[in-house]
Amino acid sequence: FFAMRVVRHWNRLPREAVDAPSLEVFKARLDGALSNLV
């Protein structure tokens, strides 16, 4: 149940965030993507 919910959210993330080469880049790209939603 938990894994299915996490996968659903992961699949909704922008591709450029998911394909980030490092955690720092992932965080920066995710912040940018989420700020566009607000």
Protein backbone atom coordinates (compact mmCIF):
# COMPACT_ATOMS: atom_id res chain seq x y z
CA PHE A 1 0.00 0.00 0.00
CA PHE A 2 2.69 2.48 1.00
CA ALA A 3 4.90 1.57 -1.95
CA MET A 4 2.05 2.08 -4.40
CA ARG A 5 1.36 5.55 -3.02
CA VAL A 6 5.03 6.54 -3.18
CA VAL A 7 5.38 5.27 -6.74
CA ARG A 8 2.33 7.26 -7.81
CA HIS A 9 3.90 10.48 -6.48
CA TRP A 10 7.32 9.61 -7.94
CA ASN A 11 5.79 9.09 -11.38
CA ARG A 12 4.18 12.53 -11.21
CA LEU A 13 7.49 14.30 -10.65
CA PRO A 14 8.98 16.23 -13.57
CA ARG A 15 11.40 14.14 -15.62
CA GLU A 16 14.23 16.66 -15.19
CA ALA A 17 14.02 16.27 -11.40
CA VAL A 18 13.89 12.47 -11.52
CA ASP A 19 16.88 12.28 -13.87
CA ALA A 20 19.03 14.54 -11.68
CA PRO A 21 22.61 13.29 -11.29
CA SER A 22 22.84 14.06 -7.56
CA LEU A 23 20.69 14.69 -4.52
CA GLU A 24 21.57 18.38 -4.49
CA VAL A 25 20.51 18.81 -8.11
CA PHE A 26 17.34 16.79 -7.44
CA LYS A 27 16.41 19.07 -4.53
CA ALA A 28 17.01 22.22 -6.56
CA ARG A 29 14.99 20.97 -9.51
CA LEU A 30 12.19 19.72 -7.27
CA ASP A 31 12.03 23.09 -5.49
CA GLY A 32 11.74 24.79 -8.87
CA ALA A 33 9.01 22.46 -10.05
CA LEU A 34 7.01 22.77 -6.83
CA SER A 35 7.30 26.55 -6.77
CA ASN A 36 5.63 26.63 -10.19
CA LEU A 37 2.59 24.89 -8.69
CA VAL A 38 1.97 27.57 -6.06
